[in-house]
Amino acid sequence: MLYSLLIVCVGCATACAIFVEPLLYLQLEPETTTPLNCDNIPCPLIFKPVCGSDGETYSNACVLGAENCRRGPADKIFIEHEGFCPPGQQETTTTVRTSST
C-alpha cells in the first residue's frame, strides 16, 4: 500500500512545521501514487539557525526536518536549542534546495 502526505493547512510556515511536528499538520492518504520527495522540501529561505542533536547547525528548523525526512525515523535528529551549536561540535551549516514551484 502506498502513502502520500497531504498537507492539511497550506503556506510556507506550515510546510516547514510539518517536518517538526508532522502529526499536527498531516494526514495519510492511502492508495495514492505520489511518495514524499525528501530532496525537494519547500523550506523557507529564512536564516534562523538551530543546533541539532547530531551536533550540526541547520539554517532553520525546516531544514533540520528535511534532514530527518531523508534519514528516516530510526535516525531522528532533535533540536537541542536555537542558534549555532557550541564549539567542539560539528560546525557546518546545512541548507537544502527549495522548490521553485
PDB file of N, CA and C in Angstrom:
ATOM      1  N   MET A   1       0.841  -1.173   0.000  1.00  0.00           N
ATOM      2  CA  MET A   1       0.000   0.000   0.000  1.00  0.00           C
ATOM      3  C   MET A   1       0.887   1.237   0.000  1.00  0.00           C
ATOM      4  N   LEU A   2       0.656   2.144  -0.910  1.00  0.00           N
ATOM      5  CA  LEU A   2       1.423   3.376  -0.992  1.00  0.00           C
ATOM      6  C   LEU A   2       0.741   4.478  -0.205  1.00  0.00           C
ATOM      7  N   TYR A   3       1.533   5.359   0.380  1.00  0.00           N
ATOM      8  CA  TYR A   3       1.000   6.503   1.114  1.00  0.00           C
ATOM      9  C   TYR A   3       1.658   7.772   0.604  1.00  0.00           C
ATOM     10  N   SER A   4       0.907   8.819   0.597  1.00  0.00           N
ATOM     11  CA  SER A   4       1.496  10.130   0.336  1.00  0.00           C
ATOM     12  C   SER A   4       1.044  11.054   1.445  1.00  0.00           C
ATOM     13  N   LEU A   5       1.694  12.175   1.572  1.00  0.00           N
ATOM     14  CA  LEU A   5       1.352  13.119   2.620  1.00  0.00           C
ATOM     15  C   LEU A   5       0.484  14.223   2.052  1.00  0.00           C
ATOM     16  N   LEU A   6      -0.607  14.506   2.707  1.00  0.00           N
ATOM     17  CA  LEU A   6      -1.493  15.587   2.313  1.00  0.00           C
ATOM     18  C   LEU A   6      -1.362  16.690   3.339  1.00  0.00           C
ATOM     19  N   ILE A   7      -0.995  17.874   2.891  1.00  0.00           N
ATOM     20  CA  ILE A   7      -0.877  18.996   3.814  1.00  0.00           C
ATOM     21  C   ILE A   7      -2.270  19.515   4.104  1.00  0.00           C
ATOM     22  N   VAL A   8      -2.660  19.490   5.363  1.00  0.00           N
ATOM     23  CA  VAL A   8      -3.992  19.917   5.766  1.00  0.00           C
ATOM     24  C   VAL A   8      -4.106  21.435   5.686  1.00  0.00           C
ATOM     25  N   CYS A   9      -3.109  22.148   6.169  1.00  0.00           N
ATOM     26  CA  CYS A   9      -3.064  23.604   6.078  1.00  0.00           C
ATOM     27  C   CYS A   9      -2.013  23.952   5.037  1.00  0.00           C
ATOM     28  N   VAL A  10      -2.159  25.093   4.411  1.00  0.00           N
ATOM     29  CA  VAL A  10      -1.182  25.466   3.396  1.00  0.00           C
ATOM     30  C   VAL A  10      -0.415  26.703   3.819  1.00  0.00           C
ATOM     31  N   GLY A  11       0.707  26.919   3.176  1.00  0.00           N
ATOM     32  CA  GLY A  11       1.529  28.088   3.474  1.00  0.00           C
ATOM     33  C   GLY A  11       2.941  27.673   3.811  1.00  0.00           C
ATOM     34  N   CYS A  12       3.848  28.577   3.612  1.00  0.00           N
ATOM     35  CA  CYS A  12       5.260  28.282   3.824  1.00  0.00           C
ATOM     36  C   CYS A  12       5.549  27.875   5.261  1.00  0.00           C
ATOM     37  N   ALA A  13       4.974  28.569   6.215  1.00  0.00           N
ATOM     38  CA  ALA A  13       5.221  28.240   7.623  1.00  0.00           C
ATOM     39  C   ALA A  13       4.721  26.845   7.943  1.00  0.00           C
ATOM     40  N   THR A  14       3.574  26.474   7.383  1.00  0.00           N
ATOM     41  CA  THR A  14       3.024  25.142   7.627  1.00  0.00           C
ATOM     42  C   THR A  14       3.873  24.076   6.963  1.00  0.00           C
ATOM     43  N   ALA A  15       4.309  24.346   5.734  1.00  0.00           N
ATOM     44  CA  ALA A  15       5.149  23.370   5.041  1.00  0.00           C
ATOM     45  C   ALA A  15       6.402  23.090   5.844  1.00  0.00           C
ATOM     46  N   CYS A  16       6.930  24.101   6.496  1.00  0.00           N
ATOM     47  CA  CYS A  16       8.089  23.921   7.356  1.00  0.00           C
ATOM     48  C   CYS A  16       7.701  23.156   8.609  1.00  0.00           C
ATOM     49  N   ALA A  17       6.621  23.540   9.229  1.00  0.00           N
ATOM     50  CA  ALA A  17       6.219  22.958  10.506  1.00  0.00           C
ATOM     51  C   ALA A  17       5.881  21.483  10.403  1.00  0.00           C
ATOM     52  N   ILE A  18       5.446  21.009   9.235  1.00  0.00           N
ATOM     53  CA  ILE A  18       5.062  19.610   9.124  1.00  0.00           C
ATOM     54  C   ILE A  18       6.225  18.679   9.394  1.00  0.00           C
ATOM     55  N   PHE A  19       7.441  19.153   9.189  1.00  0.00           N
ATOM     56  CA  PHE A  19       8.585  18.287   9.423  1.00  0.00           C
ATOM     57  C   PHE A  19       9.128  18.402  10.835  1.00  0.00           C
ATOM     58  N   VAL A  20       8.615  19.342  11.595  1.00  0.00           N
ATOM     59  CA  VAL A  20       8.979  19.458  13.000  1.00  0.00           C
ATOM     60  C   VAL A  20       7.983  18.682  13.848  1.00  0.00           C
ATOM     61  N   GLU A  21       6.698  18.884  13.624  1.00  0.00           N
ATOM     62  CA  GLU A  21       5.627  18.162  14.317  1.00  0.00           C
ATOM     63  C   GLU A  21       4.659  17.611  13.276  1.00  0.00           C
ATOM     64  N   PRO A  22       5.029  16.556  12.556  1.00  0.00           N
ATOM     65  CA  PRO A  22       4.233  16.109  11.418  1.00  0.00           C
ATOM     66  C   PRO A  22       2.812  15.686  11.750  1.00  0.00           C
ATOM     67  N   LEU A  23       2.559  15.122  12.907  1.00  0.00           N
ATOM     68  CA  LEU A  23       1.216  14.643  13.211  1.00  0.00           C
ATOM     69  C   LEU A  23       0.217  15.776  13.385  1.00  0.00           C
ATOM     70  N   LEU A  24       0.685  16.978  13.654  1.00  0.00           N
ATOM     71  CA  LEU A  24      -0.221  18.112  13.814  1.00  0.00           C
ATOM     72  C   LEU A  24      -0.697  18.663  12.480  1.00  0.00           C
ATOM     73  N   TYR A  25       0.019  18.408  11.413  1.00  0.00           N
ATOM     74  CA  TYR A  25      -0.265  19.070  10.156  1.00  0.00           C
ATOM     75  C   TYR A  25      -0.557  18.138   8.989  1.00  0.00           C
ATOM     76  N   LEU A  26      -0.372  16.860   9.167  1.00  0.00           N
ATOM     77  CA  LEU A  26      -0.516  15.939   8.051  1.00  0.00           C
ATOM     78  C   LEU A  26      -1.527  14.848   8.328  1.00  0.00           C
ATOM     79  N   GLN A  27      -2.064  14.336   7.259  1.00  0.00           N
ATOM     80  CA  GLN A  27      -2.830  13.111   7.374  1.00  0.00           C
ATOM     81  C   GLN A  27      -2.409  12.215   6.223  1.00  0.00           C
ATOM     82  N   LEU A  28      -2.441  10.916   6.444  1.00  0.00           N
ATOM     83  CA  LEU A  28      -2.031   9.979   5.403  1.00  0.00           C
ATOM     84  C   LEU A  28      -3.210   9.656   4.506  1.00  0.00           C
ATOM     85  N   GLU A  29      -2.977   9.666   3.224  1.00  0.00           N
ATOM     86  CA  GLU A  29      -3.990   9.311   2.247  1.00  0.00           C
ATOM     87  C   GLU A  29      -3.572   7.991   1.604  1.00  0.00           C
ATOM     88  N   PRO A  30      -4.279   6.879   1.889  1.00  0.00           N
ATOM     89  CA  PRO A  30      -3.905   5.594   1.301  1.00  0.00           C
ATOM     90  C   PRO A  30      -4.221   5.539  -0.192  1.00  0.00           C
ATOM     91  N   GLU A  31      -3.559   4.613  -0.880  1.00  0.00           N
ATOM     92  CA  GLU A  31      -3.823   4.318  -2.281  1.00  0.00           C
ATOM     93  C   GLU A  31      -3.470   5.454  -3.235  1.00  0.00           C
ATOM     94  N   THR A  32      -2.538   6.291  -2.900  1.00  0.00           N
ATOM     95  CA  THR A  32      -2.090   7.311  -3.839  1.00  0.00           C
ATOM     96  C   THR A  32      -0.721   6.917  -4.369  1.00  0.00           C
ATOM     97  N   THR A  33      -0.291   7.559  -5.421  1.00  0.00           N
ATOM     98  CA  THR A  33       0.944   7.133  -6.076  1.00  0.00           C
ATOM     99  C   THR A  33       2.082   8.139  -5.950  1.00  0.00           C
ATOM    100  N   THR A  34       1.896   9.216  -5.195  1.00  0.00           N
ATOM    101  CA  THR A  34       2.934  10.231  -5.075  1.00  0.00           C
ATOM    102  C   THR A  34       3.650  10.108  -3.737  1.00  0.00           C
ATOM    103  N   PRO A  35       4.859   9.544  -3.717  1.00  0.00           N
ATOM    104  CA  PRO A  35       5.595   9.455  -2.456  1.00  0.00           C
ATOM    105  C   PRO A  35       6.186  10.811  -2.074  1.00  0.00           C
ATOM    106  N   LEU A  36       6.490  10.973  -0.813  1.00  0.00           N
ATOM    107  CA  LEU A  36       7.126  12.196  -0.336  1.00  0.00           C
ATOM    108  C   LEU A  36       8.532  12.287  -0.911  1.00  0.00           C
ATOM    109  N   ASN A  37       8.870  13.414  -1.508  1.00  0.00           N
ATOM    110  CA  ASN A  37      10.198  13.633  -2.067  1.00  0.00           C
ATOM    111  C   ASN A  37      11.029  14.403  -1.046  1.00  0.00           C
ATOM    112  N   CYS A  38      11.839  13.704  -0.299  1.00  0.00           N
ATOM    113  CA  CYS A  38      12.626  14.326   0.769  1.00  0.00           C
ATOM    114  C   CYS A  38      13.733  15.228   0.240  1.00  0.00           C
ATOM    115  N   ASP A  39      14.035  15.161  -1.044  1.00  0.00           N
ATOM    116  CA  ASP A  39      15.084  16.003  -1.612  1.00  0.00           C
ATOM    117  C   ASP A  39      14.558  17.331  -2.144  1.00  0.00           C
ATOM    118  N   ASN A  40      13.252  17.546  -2.089  1.00  0.00           N
ATOM    119  CA  ASN A  40      12.685  18.778  -2.639  1.00  0.00           C
ATOM    120  C   ASN A  40      11.624  19.350  -1.702  1.00  0.00           C
ATOM    121  N   ILE A  41      11.954  19.475  -0.435  1.00  0.00           N
ATOM    122  CA  ILE A  41      11.027  20.015   0.556  1.00  0.00           C
ATOM    123  C   ILE A  41      11.081  21.542   0.499  1.00  0.00           C
ATOM    124  N   PRO A  42       9.930  22.205   0.440  1.00  0.00           N
ATOM    125  CA  PRO A  42       9.907  23.667   0.269  1.00  0.00           C
ATOM    126  C   PRO A  42      10.185  24.438   1.556  1.00  0.00           C
ATOM    127  N   CYS A  43      11.403  24.375   2.040  1.00  0.00           N
ATOM    128  CA  CYS A  43      11.770  25.129   3.246  1.00  0.00           C
ATOM    129  C   CYS A  43      11.948  26.606   2.911  1.00  0.00           C
ATOM    130  N   PRO A  44      11.566  27.490   3.834  1.00  0.00           N
ATOM    131  CA  PRO A  44      11.732  28.924   3.584  1.00  0.00           C
ATOM    132  C   PRO A  44      13.210  29.318   3.625  1.00  0.00           C
ATOM    133  N   LEU A  45      13.534  30.372   2.920  1.00  0.00           N
ATOM    134  CA  LEU A  45      14.913  30.874   2.892  1.00  0.00           C
ATOM    135  C   LEU A  45      15.129  31.865   4.028  1.00  0.00           C
ATOM    136  N   ILE A  46      14.778  31.453   5.218  1.00  0.00           N
ATOM    137  CA  ILE A  46      14.922  32.276   6.418  1.00  0.00           C
ATOM    138  C   ILE A  46      16.072  31.706   7.232  1.00  0.00           C
ATOM    139  N   PHE A  47      17.038  32.548   7.575  1.00  0.00           N
ATOM    140  CA  PHE A  47      18.167  32.086   8.371  1.00  0.00           C
ATOM    141  C   PHE A  47      17.854  32.297   9.846  1.00  0.00           C
ATOM    142  N   LYS A  48      17.488  31.205  10.500  1.00  0.00           N
ATOM    143  CA  LYS A  48      17.203  31.195  11.936  1.00  0.00           C
ATOM    144  C   LYS A  48      17.806  29.892  12.462  1.00  0.00           C
ATOM    145  N   PRO A  49      19.126  29.866  12.665  1.00  0.00           N
ATOM    146  CA  PRO A  49      19.835  28.617  12.932  1.00  0.00           C
ATOM    147  C   PRO A  49      19.362  27.893  14.185  1.00  0.00           C
ATOM    148  N   VAL A  50      19.418  26.563  14.079  1.00  0.00           N
ATOM    149  CA  VAL A  50      19.122  25.690  15.214  1.00  0.00           C
ATOM    150  C   VAL A  50      20.233  24.661  15.317  1.00  0.00           C
ATOM    151  N   CYS A  51      20.507  24.242  16.540  1.00  0.00           N
ATOM    152  CA  CYS A  51      21.519  23.217  16.787  1.00  0.00           C
ATOM    153  C   CYS A  51      20.822  21.870  16.903  1.00  0.00           C
ATOM    154  N   GLY A  52      21.213  20.935  16.064  1.00  0.00           N
ATOM    155  CA  GLY A  52      20.625  19.600  16.091  1.00  0.00           C
ATOM    156  C   GLY A  52      21.310  18.693  17.090  1.00  0.00           C
ATOM    157  N   SER A  53      20.605  17.642  17.480  1.00  0.00           N
ATOM    158  CA  SER A  53      21.149  16.680  18.438  1.00  0.00           C
ATOM    159  C   SER A  53      22.341  15.917  17.868  1.00  0.00           C
ATOM    160  N   ASP A  54      22.578  16.050  16.553  1.00  0.00           N
ATOM    161  CA  ASP A  54      23.748  15.434  15.933  1.00  0.00           C
ATOM    162  C   ASP A  54      24.965  16.355  15.969  1.00  0.00           C
ATOM    163  N   GLY A  55      24.821  17.535  16.620  1.00  0.00           N
ATOM    164  CA  GLY A  55      25.928  18.471  16.731  1.00  0.00           C
ATOM    165  C   GLY A  55      26.107  19.362  15.521  1.00  0.00           C
ATOM    166  N   GLU A  56      25.185  19.301  14.582  1.00  0.00           N
ATOM    167  CA  GLU A  56      25.278  20.103  13.371  1.00  0.00           C
ATOM    168  C   GLU A  56      24.325  21.288  13.451  1.00  0.00           C
ATOM    169  N   THR A  57      24.763  22.437  12.952  1.00  0.00           N
ATOM    170  CA  THR A  57      23.918  23.622  12.891  1.00  0.00           C
ATOM    171  C   THR A  57      23.146  23.604  11.581  1.00  0.00           C
ATOM    172  N   TYR A  58      21.827  23.766  11.668  1.00  0.00           N
ATOM    173  CA  TYR A  58      20.949  23.814  10.498  1.00  0.00           C
ATOM    174  C   TYR A  58      20.454  25.242  10.326  1.00  0.00           C
ATOM    175  N   SER A  59      20.257  25.683   9.095  1.00  0.00           N
ATOM    176  CA  SER A  59      19.893  27.079   8.843  1.00  0.00           C
ATOM    177  C   SER A  59      18.521  27.449   9.398  1.00  0.00           C
ATOM    178  N   ASN A  60      17.628  26.486   9.573  1.00  0.00           N
ATOM    179  CA  ASN A  60      16.351  26.706  10.256  1.00  0.00           C
ATOM    180  C   ASN A  60      15.743  25.350  10.604  1.00  0.00           C
ATOM    181  N   ALA A  61      14.653  25.365  11.354  1.00  0.00           N
ATOM    182  CA  ALA A  61      14.037  24.118  11.821  1.00  0.00           C
ATOM    183  C   ALA A  61      13.510  23.275  10.669  1.00  0.00           C
ATOM    184  N   CYS A  62      13.053  23.916   9.606  1.00  0.00           N
ATOM    185  CA  CYS A  62      12.555  23.164   8.459  1.00  0.00           C
ATOM    186  C   CYS A  62      13.669  22.355   7.810  1.00  0.00           C
ATOM    187  N   VAL A  63      14.844  22.944   7.684  1.00  0.00           N
ATOM    188  CA  VAL A  63      15.983  22.241   7.088  1.00  0.00           C
ATOM    189  C   VAL A  63      16.355  21.029   7.943  1.00  0.00           C
ATOM    190  N   LEU A  64      16.305  21.181   9.261  1.00  0.00           N
ATOM    191  CA  LEU A  64      16.546  20.044  10.151  1.00  0.00           C
ATOM    192  C   LEU A  64      15.478  18.977   9.913  1.00  0.00           C
ATOM    193  N   GLY A  65      14.233  19.398   9.772  1.00  0.00           N
ATOM    194  CA  GLY A  65      13.151  18.452   9.499  1.00  0.00           C
ATOM    195  C   GLY A  65      13.320  17.740   8.170  1.00  0.00           C
ATOM    196  N   ALA A  66      13.801  18.456   7.156  1.00  0.00           N
ATOM    197  CA  ALA A  66      14.048  17.843   5.855  1.00  0.00           C
ATOM    198  C   ALA A  66      15.142  16.781   5.967  1.00  0.00           C
ATOM    199  N   GLU A  67      16.147  17.053   6.786  1.00  0.00           N
ATOM    200  CA  GLU A  67      17.198  16.056   7.025  1.00  0.00           C
ATOM    201  C   GLU A  67      16.610  14.832   7.721  1.00  0.00           C
ATOM    202  N   ASN A  68      15.689  15.043   8.652  1.00  0.00           N
ATOM    203  CA  ASN A  68      15.006  13.915   9.296  1.00  0.00           C
ATOM    204  C   ASN A  68      14.244  13.091   8.275  1.00  0.00           C
ATOM    205  N   CYS A  69      13.610  13.748   7.332  1.00  0.00           N
ATOM    206  CA  CYS A  69      12.879  13.049   6.276  1.00  0.00           C
ATOM    207  C   CYS A  69      13.829  12.148   5.494  1.00  0.00           C
ATOM    208  N   ARG A  70      14.991  12.682   5.123  1.00  0.00           N
ATOM    209  CA  ARG A  70      15.969  11.891   4.369  1.00  0.00           C
ATOM    210  C   ARG A  70      16.521  10.726   5.192  1.00  0.00           C
ATOM    211  N   ARG A  71      16.739  10.942   6.480  1.00  0.00           N
ATOM    212  CA  ARG A  71      17.332   9.902   7.337  1.00  0.00           C
ATOM    213  C   ARG A  71      16.344   8.801   7.694  1.00  0.00           C
ATOM    214  N   GLY A  72      15.086   9.153   7.848  1.00  0.00           N
ATOM    215  CA  GLY A  72      14.081   8.188   8.276  1.00  0.00           C
ATOM    216  C   GLY A  72      13.925   8.193   9.786  1.00  0.00           C
ATOM    217  N   PRO A  73      12.872   7.546  10.290  1.00  0.00           N
ATOM    218  CA  PRO A  73      12.535   7.627  11.715  1.00  0.00           C
ATOM    219  C   PRO A  73      13.547   6.975  12.654  1.00  0.00           C
ATOM    220  N   ALA A  74      14.358   6.069  12.173  1.00  0.00           N
ATOM    221  CA  ALA A  74      15.300   5.375  13.051  1.00  0.00           C
ATOM    222  C   ALA A  74      16.473   6.259  13.472  1.00  0.00           C
ATOM    223  N   ASP A  75      16.725   7.323  12.723  1.00  0.00           N
ATOM    224  CA  ASP A  75      17.889   8.176  12.984  1.00  0.00           C
ATOM    225  C   ASP A  75      17.465   9.635  13.145  1.00  0.00           C
ATOM    226  N   LYS A  76      16.391   9.877  13.891  1.00  0.00           N
ATOM    227  CA  LYS A  76      15.803  11.210  14.016  1.00  0.00           C
ATOM    228  C   LYS A  76      16.714  12.167  14.782  1.00  0.00           C
ATOM    229  N   ILE A  77      16.766  13.414  14.289  1.00  0.00           N
ATOM    230  CA  ILE A  77      17.527  14.486  14.931  1.00  0.00           C
ATOM    231  C   ILE A  77      16.535  15.381  15.659  1.00  0.00           C
ATOM    232  N   PHE A  78      16.899  15.833  16.834  1.00  0.00           N
ATOM    233  CA  PHE A  78      16.058  16.741  17.609  1.00  0.00           C
ATOM    234  C   PHE A  78      16.738  18.099  17.690  1.00  0.00           C
ATOM    235  N   ILE A  79      15.942  19.148  17.879  1.00  0.00           N
ATOM    236  CA  ILE A  79      16.504  20.480  18.075  1.00  0.00           C
ATOM    237  C   ILE A  79      16.979  20.576  19.520  1.00  0.00           C
ATOM    238  N   GLU A  80      18.276  20.775  19.695  1.00  0.00           N
ATOM    239  CA  GLU A  80      18.841  20.948  21.035  1.00  0.00           C
ATOM    240  C   GLU A  80      18.537  22.344  21.561  1.00  0.00           C
ATOM    241  N   HIS A  81      18.726  23.349  20.695  1.00  0.00           N
ATOM    242  CA  HIS A  81      18.436  24.735  21.065  1.00  0.00           C
ATOM    243  C   HIS A  81      18.494  25.596  19.817  1.00  0.00           C
ATOM    244  N   GLU A  82      17.935  26.802  19.907  1.00  0.00           N
ATOM    245  CA  GLU A  82      18.041  27.760  18.815  1.00  0.00           C
ATOM    246  C   GLU A  82      19.457  28.324  18.788  1.00  0.00           C
ATOM    247  N   GLY A  83      19.909  28.714  17.612  1.00  0.00           N
ATOM    248  CA  GLY A  83      21.248  29.265  17.466  1.00  0.00           C
ATOM    249  C   GLY A  83      22.243  28.213  17.001  1.00  0.00           C
ATOM    250  N   PHE A  84      23.487  28.636  16.917  1.00  0.00           N
ATOM    251  CA  PHE A  84      24.558  27.754  16.454  1.00  0.00           C
ATOM    252  C   PHE A  84      24.924  26.732  17.522  1.00  0.00           C
ATOM    253  N   CYS A  85      25.405  25.580  17.074  1.00  0.00           N
ATOM    254  CA  CYS A  85      25.928  24.583  18.007  1.00  0.00           C
ATOM    255  C   CYS A  85      27.216  25.131  18.621  1.00  0.00           C
ATOM    256  N   PRO A  86      27.499  24.790  19.876  1.00  0.00           N
ATOM    257  CA  PRO A  86      28.707  25.297  20.526  1.00  0.00           C
ATOM    258  C   PRO A  86      29.981  24.748  19.880  1.00  0.00           C
ATOM    259  N   PRO A  87      31.094  25.455  20.074  1.00  0.00           N
ATOM    260  CA  PRO A  87      32.374  24.967  19.551  1.00  0.00           C
ATOM    261  C   PRO A  87      32.674  23.568  20.093  1.00  0.00           C
ATOM    262  N   GLY A  88      33.364  22.800  19.283  1.00  0.00           N
ATOM    263  CA  GLY A  88      33.689  21.437  19.690  1.00  0.00           C
ATOM    264  C   GLY A  88      32.732  20.428  19.093  1.00  0.00           C
ATOM    265  N   GLN A  89      31.575  20.898  18.671  1.00  0.00           N
ATOM    266  CA  GLN A  89      30.656  20.031  17.951  1.00  0.00           C
ATOM    267  C   GLN A  89      30.883  20.269  16.470  1.00  0.00           C
ATOM    268  N   GLN A  90      30.233  19.470  15.646  1.00  0.00           N
ATOM    269  CA  GLN A  90      30.337  19.654  14.211  1.00  0.00           C
ATOM    270  C   GLN A  90      29.873  21.063  13.867  1.00  0.00           C
ATOM    271  N   GLU A  91      30.627  21.798  13.087  1.00  0.00           N
ATOM    272  CA  GLU A  91      30.319  23.207  12.854  1.00  0.00           C
ATOM    273  C   GLU A  91      29.993  23.505  11.401  1.00  0.00           C
ATOM    274  N   THR A  92      29.089  22.746  10.826  1.00  0.00           N
ATOM    275  CA  THR A  92      28.671  23.027   9.461  1.00  0.00           C
ATOM    276  C   THR A  92      27.224  23.480   9.475  1.00  0.00           C
ATOM    277  N   THR A  93      26.892  24.397   8.619  1.00  0.00           N
ATOM    278  CA  THR A  93      25.508  24.819   8.480  1.00  0.00           C
ATOM    279  C   THR A  93      24.924  24.100   7.282  1.00  0.00           C
ATOM    280  N   THR A  94      23.827  23.392   7.494  1.00  0.00           N
ATOM    281  CA  THR A  94      23.193  22.629   6.436  1.00  0.00           C
ATOM    282  C   THR A  94      22.034  23.414   5.856  1.00  0.00           C
ATOM    283  N   THR A  95      21.957  23.444   4.536  1.00  0.00           N
ATOM    284  CA  THR A  95      20.827  24.055   3.849  1.00  0.00           C
ATOM    285  C   THR A  95      20.305  23.060   2.827  1.00  0.00           C
ATOM    286  N   VAL A  96      19.080  23.271   2.382  1.00  0.00           N
ATOM    287  CA  VAL A  96      18.527  22.416   1.335  1.00  0.00           C
ATOM    288  C   VAL A  96      18.035  23.280   0.198  1.00  0.00           C
ATOM    289  N   ARG A  97      17.963  22.661  -0.961  1.00  0.00           N
ATOM    290  CA  ARG A  97      17.432  23.327  -2.138  1.00  0.00           C
ATOM    291  C   ARG A  97      15.934  23.498  -1.944  1.00  0.00           C
ATOM    292  N   THR A  98      15.386  24.639  -2.328  1.00  0.00           N
ATOM    293  CA  THR A  98      13.954  24.871  -2.181  1.00  0.00           C
ATOM    294  C   THR A  98      13.255  24.663  -3.505  1.00  0.00           C
ATOM    295  N   SER A  99      11.994  24.358  -3.441  1.00  0.00           N
ATOM    296  CA  SER A  99      11.188  24.127  -4.628  1.00  0.00           C
ATOM    297  C   SER A  99      10.939  25.438  -5.359  1.00  0.00           C
ATOM    298  N   SER A 100      10.969  25.392  -6.670  1.00  0.00           N
ATOM    299  CA  SER A 100      10.703  26.597  -7.453  1.00  0.00           C
ATOM    300  C   SER A 100       9.253  26.683  -7.879  1.00  0.00           C
ATOM    301  N   THR A 101       8.451  25.704  -7.508  1.00  0.00           N
ATOM    302  CA  THR A 101       7.028  25.727  -7.879  1.00  0.00           C
ATOM    303  C   THR A 101       6.166  26.120  -6.722  1.00  0.00           C
TER     304      THR A 101
END
